[in-house]
Amino acid sequence: MAFIFLFVFFMYIFPIFFLAVPVVRTTPIVATVLLVIGVILWLVQTYMISKFITGPKKQAKQHKKVQQNGKAVQAEIIAWEHDGLIEGDPSKKILLTFTNLAGSQVKTYLHLVDTKEHEKRFEPGKEITIKLNQKGFEPPFTVGKGEYATSPRPWIWLWLIFNILYMIGFFLASYYFQSDGYGWRFLNPFSSWLWAPVFGIFIINFLLKTLGSQDIISKFYQLTSVRSDKDFGELLLYGKTTQGEIINYSQTGTYINEQPQVRFDVHFLNDRGDLISKKFKQIIPLTDLHQLKKGEAEVIYLPRDTDIFMVKPSQSE
């Protein structure tokens, strides 16, 4: 709730306070240019909001395409855990292992809704058919059978409509309180109507990365290099797995949202037998700090670029 309040406050409430700030007037030409820039910024923000609607639909189409054209392989179920309920049916987080397109045995989590739980289809040791994406990386794979459904998001439509009305209403309010008979010459580079969508674009971009593109596939490997999130699909499809070692780790003293940043030193062998040494930093939840330790680890890396890798300490799964 606190996050939602901050999000709403900085996007829609905080800019209103600046209506009381004295205005620096600009020339008609500058004001008109700023008006056009402002409209463009607000439209960009509105377009980004619409991605919360179009994104899941696009993902569904991509999954169906891979389901039709992907390479079928058998994936073994290692473990599963309950992940809540969706429309009365249990949602499950399933740990799979399968041979990827590079011939390596990789692990990942698959989230699905079990509509026939009585059949016990997803017990450890059983296999399911998955389809690997041979023409891209998004998604890296999908289930061989089953429906990829997207949940309706009516609140996004309300947000979209509100954002458009707010854009117009905020401009009219600014015009009413700040124009003083000079038209829209109240617009200047510091006008809250101009920088409000800039704040919004940054906030929505963050939300899209964390919420908007949630897929049914999630990472098994806990520790990740900076670029592995972006290239996760390629890493899962073409990555090589190997044994590695966490040589050292230590907190950097930096905290993000009260969560500590940790620096890791990792060694692993590539497919040519060369010893690769990597250092990287990652934010670790306070609740997970006690799980960190030096020693053996599972590593998956991309042969074309060993800076793209993920690590899982060997002590637990």
Protein backbone atom coordinates (compact mmCIF):
# COMPACT_ATOMS: atom_id res chain seq x y z
CA MET A 1 0.00 0.00 0.00
CA ALA A 2 2.85 2.39 0.81
CA PHE A 3 4.34 1.84 -2.64
CA ILE A 4 1.00 2.52 -4.35
CA PHE A 5 0.58 5.73 -2.34
CA LEU A 6 4.07 6.95 -3.32
CA PHE A 7 3.41 6.06 -6.94
CA VAL A 8 0.11 8.00 -7.01
CA PHE A 9 1.57 10.89 -5.00
CA PHE A 10 4.57 11.59 -7.24
CA MET A 11 2.67 11.06 -10.50
CA TYR A 12 -0.55 12.94 -9.82
CA ILE A 13 -0.59 14.81 -6.49
CA PHE A 14 2.87 16.30 -6.04
CA PRO A 15 2.80 18.28 -9.35
CA ILE A 16 -0.39 20.08 -8.26
CA PHE A 17 1.45 21.79 -5.38
CA PHE A 18 3.50 23.77 -7.92
CA LEU A 19 0.45 25.60 -9.24
CA ALA A 20 1.10 28.10 -6.44
CA VAL A 21 4.70 28.74 -7.53
CA PRO A 22 5.31 32.12 -9.29
CA VAL A 23 5.37 31.76 -13.07
CA VAL A 24 8.29 32.55 -15.37
CA ARG A 25 6.72 33.61 -18.65
CA THR A 26 8.18 32.69 -22.00
CA THR A 27 7.74 33.99 -25.54
CA PRO A 28 4.78 32.75 -27.61
CA ILE A 29 7.08 30.61 -29.79
CA VAL A 30 8.86 28.99 -26.83
CA ALA A 31 5.54 28.42 -25.07
CA THR A 32 4.08 26.75 -28.16
CA VAL A 33 7.12 24.49 -28.53
CA LEU A 34 6.84 23.52 -24.86
CA LEU A 35 3.13 22.85 -25.32
CA VAL A 36 3.89 20.41 -28.14
CA ILE A 37 6.66 18.76 -26.08
CA GLY A 38 4.29 18.45 -23.14
CA VAL A 39 1.57 16.83 -25.23
CA ILE A 40 4.13 14.37 -26.63
CA LEU A 41 5.37 13.49 -23.12
CA TRP A 42 1.83 12.90 -21.86
CA LEU A 43 1.04 10.75 -24.90
CA VAL A 44 4.20 8.71 -24.30
CA GLN A 45 3.14 8.19 -20.70
CA THR A 46 -0.34 7.13 -21.83
CA TYR A 47 1.16 4.73 -24.38
CA MET A 48 3.34 3.16 -21.68
CA ILE A 49 0.27 2.63 -19.49
CA SER A 50 -1.41 0.86 -22.42
CA LYS A 51 1.48 -1.65 -22.43
CA PHE A 52 0.00 -3.17 -19.27
CA ILE A 53 -2.91 -4.18 -21.54
CA THR A 54 -1.07 -5.05 -24.75
CA GLY A 55 1.97 -6.69 -23.09
CA PRO A 56 0.20 -9.79 -21.70
CA LYS A 57 -1.72 -10.23 -24.97
CA LYS A 58 1.53 -10.05 -26.92
CA GLN A 59 3.09 -12.63 -24.60
CA ALA A 60 0.12 -14.94 -25.10
CA LYS A 61 0.54 -14.74 -28.90
CA GLN A 62 4.27 -15.47 -28.60
CA HIS A 63 3.62 -18.51 -26.42
CA LYS A 64 1.03 -19.86 -28.86
CA LYS A 65 3.45 -19.37 -31.74
CA VAL A 66 6.20 -21.31 -29.93
CA GLN A 67 3.62 -23.94 -28.98
CA GLN A 68 2.93 -24.48 -32.68
CA ASN A 69 6.47 -24.23 -34.10
CA GLY A 70 8.86 -24.97 -31.23
CA LYS A 71 11.08 -28.00 -30.77
CA ALA A 72 9.43 -30.57 -28.49
CA VAL A 73 11.57 -31.88 -25.63
CA GLN A 74 10.80 -33.72 -22.41
CA ALA A 75 11.29 -31.82 -19.17
CA GLU A 76 11.55 -33.63 -15.84
CA ILE A 77 9.77 -32.25 -12.79
CA ILE A 78 12.15 -31.98 -9.84
CA ALA A 79 9.85 -30.31 -7.32
CA TRP A 80 6.81 -28.10 -7.01
CA GLU A 81 5.14 -25.83 -4.48
CA HIS A 82 1.77 -24.13 -4.16
CA ASP A 83 1.72 -20.59 -5.50
CA GLY A 84 -1.83 -19.55 -4.57
CA LEU A 85 -5.23 -19.96 -6.21
CA ILE A 86 -6.49 -18.62 -9.53
CA GLU A 87 -10.25 -18.82 -10.03
CA GLY A 88 -10.41 -21.67 -7.51
CA ASP A 89 -7.70 -23.78 -9.13
CA PRO A 90 -4.24 -24.22 -7.54
CA SER A 91 -1.39 -22.24 -9.06
CA LYS A 92 1.89 -24.16 -8.90
CA LYS A 93 5.54 -23.20 -9.14
CA ILE A 94 7.27 -26.16 -10.78
CA LEU A 95 11.02 -26.73 -10.95
CA LEU A 96 11.94 -28.28 -14.31
CA THR A 97 15.13 -29.62 -15.81
CA PHE A 98 15.58 -30.17 -19.55
CA THR A 99 18.19 -30.31 -22.29
CA ASN A 100 18.44 -26.96 -24.06
CA LEU A 101 19.37 -26.24 -27.68
CA ALA A 102 23.08 -26.22 -26.77
CA GLY A 103 22.85 -29.71 -25.29
CA SER A 104 23.15 -28.60 -21.66
CA GLN A 105 20.90 -29.69 -18.83
CA VAL A 106 19.33 -26.52 -17.40
CA LYS A 107 16.83 -25.73 -14.66
CA THR A 108 14.08 -23.18 -14.44
CA TYR A 109 10.75 -22.53 -12.76
CA LEU A 110 7.44 -22.80 -14.57
CA HIS A 111 4.27 -21.25 -13.13
CA LEU A 112 0.98 -22.80 -14.17
CA VAL A 113 -2.57 -23.44 -13.02
CA ASP A 114 -3.37 -27.11 -12.41
CA THR A 115 -7.00 -27.55 -13.47
CA LYS A 116 -6.81 -31.34 -12.99
CA GLU A 117 -4.95 -31.64 -9.70
CA HIS A 118 -6.54 -35.02 -8.97
CA GLU A 119 -4.53 -36.51 -11.85
CA LYS A 120 -1.24 -35.61 -10.09
CA ARG A 121 0.40 -34.71 -13.39
CA PHE A 122 3.14 -32.59 -11.85
CA GLU A 123 4.61 -34.85 -9.19
CA PRO A 124 8.43 -35.02 -8.88
CA GLY A 125 9.94 -37.53 -11.30
CA LYS A 126 7.23 -37.14 -13.92
CA GLU A 127 7.85 -35.55 -17.31
CA ILE A 128 5.99 -32.97 -19.34
CA THR A 129 6.45 -31.90 -22.95
CA ILE A 130 7.70 -28.38 -23.54
CA LYS A 131 8.42 -26.56 -26.81
CA LEU A 132 11.74 -24.71 -27.19
CA ASN A 133 11.83 -21.46 -29.15
CA GLN A 134 14.13 -21.92 -32.16
CA LYS A 135 13.41 -18.53 -33.76
CA GLY A 136 13.96 -16.15 -30.86
CA PHE A 137 14.32 -15.87 -27.11
CA GLU A 138 10.95 -14.50 -25.95
CA PRO A 139 9.67 -16.74 -24.56
CA PRO A 140 12.50 -19.29 -24.40
CA PHE A 141 9.96 -22.11 -24.22
CA THR A 142 6.33 -22.87 -23.50
CA VAL A 143 4.28 -25.87 -22.43
CA GLY A 144 3.54 -28.39 -25.16
CA LYS A 145 -0.15 -28.55 -24.36
CA GLY A 146 -2.46 -26.30 -22.44
CA GLU A 147 -3.93 -22.85 -22.76
CA TYR A 148 -2.00 -19.66 -22.14
CA ALA A 149 -4.64 -17.37 -20.66
CA THR A 150 -4.29 -13.72 -19.67
CA SER A 151 -6.20 -12.28 -16.76
CA PRO A 152 -8.38 -9.21 -17.42
CA ARG A 153 -7.07 -5.93 -16.05
CA PRO A 154 -10.00 -3.49 -15.88
CA TRP A 155 -8.05 -1.24 -13.53
CA ILE A 156 -5.62 -0.49 -16.37
CA TRP A 157 -8.45 0.91 -18.50
CA LEU A 158 -9.54 3.09 -15.59
CA TRP A 159 -5.96 4.28 -15.14
CA LEU A 160 -5.63 4.97 -18.87
CA ILE A 161 -8.81 7.07 -18.97
CA PHE A 162 -7.89 8.88 -15.75
CA ASN A 163 -4.43 9.71 -17.12
CA ILE A 164 -5.91 11.34 -20.24
CA LEU A 165 -8.46 13.29 -18.20
CA TYR A 166 -5.75 14.33 -15.74
CA MET A 167 -3.52 15.56 -18.58
CA ILE A 168 -6.32 17.79 -19.89
CA GLY A 169 -7.61 18.84 -16.47
CA PHE A 170 -4.15 19.69 -15.13
CA PHE A 171 -3.41 21.84 -18.17
CA LEU A 172 -6.73 23.68 -17.82
CA ALA A 173 -6.09 24.23 -14.10
CA SER A 174 -2.60 25.55 -14.85
CA TYR A 175 -4.07 27.83 -17.52
CA TYR A 176 -6.72 29.12 -15.11
CA PHE A 177 -4.36 29.85 -12.24
CA GLN A 178 -1.21 30.91 -14.12
CA SER A 179 -2.09 32.42 -17.51
CA ASP A 180 -3.17 35.90 -16.29
CA GLY A 181 -4.36 36.73 -19.79
CA TYR A 182 -1.11 35.65 -21.49
CA GLY A 183 -2.42 32.39 -22.92
CA TRP A 184 -0.13 29.40 -22.46
CA ARG A 185 2.96 31.57 -22.02
CA PHE A 186 2.98 30.29 -18.43
CA LEU A 187 4.63 27.17 -19.83
CA ASN A 188 8.36 27.10 -19.14
CA PRO A 189 10.93 24.31 -18.70
CA PHE A 190 10.08 24.19 -14.98
CA SER A 191 6.30 23.92 -15.38
CA SER A 192 4.91 21.00 -13.40
CA TRP A 193 2.62 20.13 -16.33
CA LEU A 194 5.79 19.42 -18.34
CA TRP A 195 7.89 17.47 -15.85
CA ALA A 196 4.97 15.51 -14.33
CA PRO A 197 4.90 13.05 -17.28
CA VAL A 198 8.70 12.75 -17.10
CA PHE A 199 8.35 11.45 -13.54
CA GLY A 200 5.50 9.26 -14.73
CA ILE A 201 7.51 7.74 -17.57
CA PHE A 202 10.31 6.70 -15.20
CA ILE A 203 7.83 5.26 -12.68
CA ILE A 204 5.83 3.37 -15.31
CA ASN A 205 9.01 2.03 -16.90
CA PHE A 206 9.97 0.61 -13.50
CA LEU A 207 6.50 -0.90 -13.06
CA LEU A 208 6.63 -2.46 -16.53
CA LYS A 209 9.93 -4.14 -15.73
CA THR A 210 8.71 -5.49 -12.39
CA LEU A 211 5.01 -6.13 -13.01
CA GLY A 212 4.01 -5.62 -16.60
CA SER A 213 5.97 -8.41 -18.25
CA GLN A 214 5.58 -11.20 -15.71
CA ASP A 215 5.79 -14.50 -17.55
CA ILE A 216 5.10 -18.11 -16.62
CA ILE A 217 8.88 -18.74 -16.63
CA SER A 218 11.12 -17.52 -13.81
CA LYS A 219 14.78 -17.95 -12.85
CA PHE A 220 16.06 -20.90 -10.82
CA TYR A 221 19.53 -19.43 -10.44
CA GLN A 222 19.55 -16.92 -7.57
CA LEU A 223 22.63 -14.84 -8.38
CA THR A 224 22.74 -13.07 -11.72
CA SER A 225 25.11 -10.86 -13.65
CA VAL A 226 23.92 -7.42 -14.74
CA ARG A 227 23.09 -8.48 -18.30
CA SER A 228 21.56 -11.87 -17.54
CA ASP A 229 18.08 -10.45 -16.91
CA LYS A 230 17.96 -8.94 -20.39
CA ASP A 231 19.36 -12.09 -22.01
CA PHE A 232 17.59 -14.63 -19.79
CA GLY A 233 15.82 -16.31 -22.71
CA GLU A 234 19.01 -16.78 -24.71
CA LEU A 235 20.83 -17.98 -21.61
CA LEU A 236 18.20 -20.63 -20.94
CA LEU A 237 18.15 -21.81 -24.57
CA TYR A 238 21.85 -21.66 -25.48
CA GLY A 239 23.66 -21.42 -22.15
CA LYS A 240 26.23 -23.95 -20.98
CA THR A 241 26.05 -25.33 -17.47
CA THR A 242 29.13 -26.03 -15.38
CA GLN A 243 30.29 -26.36 -11.81
CA GLY A 244 31.69 -23.20 -10.30
CA GLU A 245 32.70 -21.83 -6.94
CA ILE A 246 31.78 -18.76 -4.94
CA ILE A 247 35.24 -17.67 -3.80
CA ASN A 248 34.15 -14.74 -1.68
CA TYR A 249 31.28 -12.40 -0.95
CA SER A 250 30.93 -9.25 1.13
CA GLN A 251 28.46 -6.43 1.66
CA THR A 252 29.40 -3.20 -0.12
CA GLY A 253 27.73 -0.93 2.42
CA THR A 254 25.14 0.21 -0.12
CA TYR A 255 21.44 -0.36 0.55
CA ILE A 256 18.58 -0.17 -1.94
CA ASN A 257 15.13 -0.01 -0.33
CA GLU A 258 16.81 -1.14 2.91
CA GLN A 259 18.15 -4.27 1.20
CA PRO A 260 21.96 -4.74 1.20
CA GLN A 261 24.12 -4.88 -1.90
CA VAL A 262 26.57 -7.79 -1.93
CA ARG A 263 29.72 -8.20 -4.02
CA PHE A 264 30.49 -11.74 -5.25
CA ASP A 265 33.68 -13.31 -6.60
CA VAL A 266 32.94 -16.41 -8.70
CA HIS A 267 35.13 -18.87 -10.63
CA PHE A 268 33.96 -21.41 -13.21
CA LEU A 269 35.33 -23.41 -16.14
CA ASN A 270 34.08 -22.75 -19.66
CA ASP A 271 33.54 -25.47 -22.29
CA ARG A 272 37.21 -25.17 -23.37
CA GLY A 273 38.48 -25.77 -19.85
CA ASP A 274 39.55 -22.16 -19.25
CA LEU A 275 39.11 -20.78 -15.74
CA ILE A 276 36.78 -17.77 -15.82
CA SER A 277 36.78 -15.30 -12.92
CA LYS A 278 33.87 -12.91 -12.48
CA LYS A 279 32.96 -10.22 -9.98
CA PHE A 280 29.47 -8.79 -9.74
CA LYS A 281 27.15 -7.01 -7.33
CA GLN A 282 23.57 -7.84 -6.47
CA ILE A 283 20.89 -6.67 -4.06
CA ILE A 284 20.09 -9.52 -1.66
CA PRO A 285 16.97 -9.52 0.55
CA LEU A 286 17.84 -9.34 4.24
CA THR A 287 15.89 -12.56 4.77
CA ASP A 288 18.20 -14.40 2.34
CA LEU A 289 21.56 -13.19 3.67
CA HIS A 290 21.93 -16.20 5.98
CA GLN A 291 21.72 -18.53 2.96
CA LEU A 292 24.87 -17.12 1.36
CA LYS A 293 28.09 -19.05 1.74
CA LYS A 294 31.31 -19.76 -0.07
CA GLY A 295 31.77 -23.00 -1.94
CA GLU A 296 30.49 -24.96 -4.90
CA ALA A 297 27.78 -23.55 -7.12
CA GLU A 298 25.90 -24.36 -10.31
CA VAL A 299 26.67 -21.91 -13.10
CA ILE A 300 25.04 -21.28 -16.45
CA TYR A 301 26.79 -18.94 -18.91
CA LEU A 302 26.66 -17.91 -22.56
CA PRO A 303 29.70 -19.12 -24.54
CA ARG A 304 29.51 -16.06 -26.83
CA ASP A 305 29.82 -13.72 -23.84
CA THR A 306 30.81 -15.05 -20.43
CA ASP A 307 29.70 -11.78 -18.80
CA ILE A 308 26.18 -13.18 -19.15
CA PHE A 309 25.80 -15.82 -16.45
CA MET A 310 23.75 -16.94 -13.46
CA VAL A 311 24.81 -18.76 -10.31
CA LYS A 312 23.01 -21.03 -7.85
CA PRO A 313 24.76 -22.05 -4.61
CA SER A 314 24.84 -25.86 -4.45
CA GLN A 315 23.55 -26.21 -0.90
CA SER A 316 19.84 -25.91 -1.74
CA GLU A 317 17.26 -25.81 -4.48
